[in-house]
Each structure stands twice: as C-alpha cells, then as structure tokens.
Amino acid sequence: MANSLTPQLQSEKGQVSFITRFIATGFFSGYSPLIPGTAGSLAGLCLYAIPALQGTIPLACAIIAALFIGTAASAKMEAVYGEDPPIVVIDEILGMWISLFLLPVSTATAVAAFLFFRLFDIVKPPPARSAEKLKHGWGIMLDDVVAGIYANLAVRLLLFFFPKLG
C-alpha cells in the first residue's frame, strides 16, 4: 500500500517547491503525526526564544513578513493539498508571535500565551471562524491572527490580575 501512495505524494510534492513547503509547514513541524497545529505553535514559541526576535521591531517585522509570505505559501499549498491542509502551520507560528507581541518576556508569559493561543485557535471565536472562509491563503492565516490577538489580550488580562507572572 505504501508503494501505491508514494508516486502520488512525489507528484504532489513536485508541484510545490521545497522552500514553499519549508515555510508553509513551519520548518516541517506541520508533518508531526500528532497535533500538527500544536507542533507549529511550539515551533513559533521556539523561534521566539531566540533573543534577537524578542524585541518590538524584530518581532513586528517577523509578524508582517510571516503574514504575507505565509499567505502566499499557504495559497500554493492549498492549490495542491486542498483547503486548509493540516500540514500548513505557518499560521500557528504567526499566531504565536502575535500572542507574545509587546508582552513581558518570561516563561510564565510564554506558557500562558501558548495555552491561550491554542484554546482560541481551536474554539475560533468570532470573527476567526468567518476569517477562516477567506480564499487564497488568507483564511488559513487570518483566523490565527484573530486567535493570536485574543490570546494576547487574555495574557494582558492575566498579567493585570497577576502582575508577578510577567
């Protein structure tokens, strides 16, 4: 059976460049056999752990770049793999970065942002569910932008009530 799938997978992979797959799958974290969205979120968190990315300007630039490059890569992946393929997790990386934007850098903040982001990404409160319906890669990316914004606000609220966590 594996032999019958191999040519199809090779054919599909041939239609999307290596760099597009590398970006869209979050440095291949989206190929995780279990919970690829969580694996992508962890990849975003690991990238955020790089001190050079934690500043306001570098993180803002990374967010903007991830939005536009990720949308283009997601659109190419959708064209080959169908609507919102699970292996595409660049949106989770973007959402994690938005979850952490302009927040104090601490382990507690990072854990809270991760947990809130995963919650909002799964639940998809309005307007995330509506954003998910957009085409050409935008739906893949924008529902996670919304989840990231909600997570960021939730962490801010948490830090308001428990300031020592920051």
Foldseek 3Di string as FASTA:
>chain_A
DVVVCVVVVVVLCVQADPVLLCLQLLNQCLVPPPDSLLSLLVSLLVVCPPVVCVDQVNLVVVLVCLLVSNLQSQLSNCVRPNQLDSSGHSLSSSLLSLLNHPHDDDPLSSVQSSVQLVVCLVVQDPPLVVQLPDHSSRNNRVSSVVSSPRNNVVSVVVCVVVVVSD
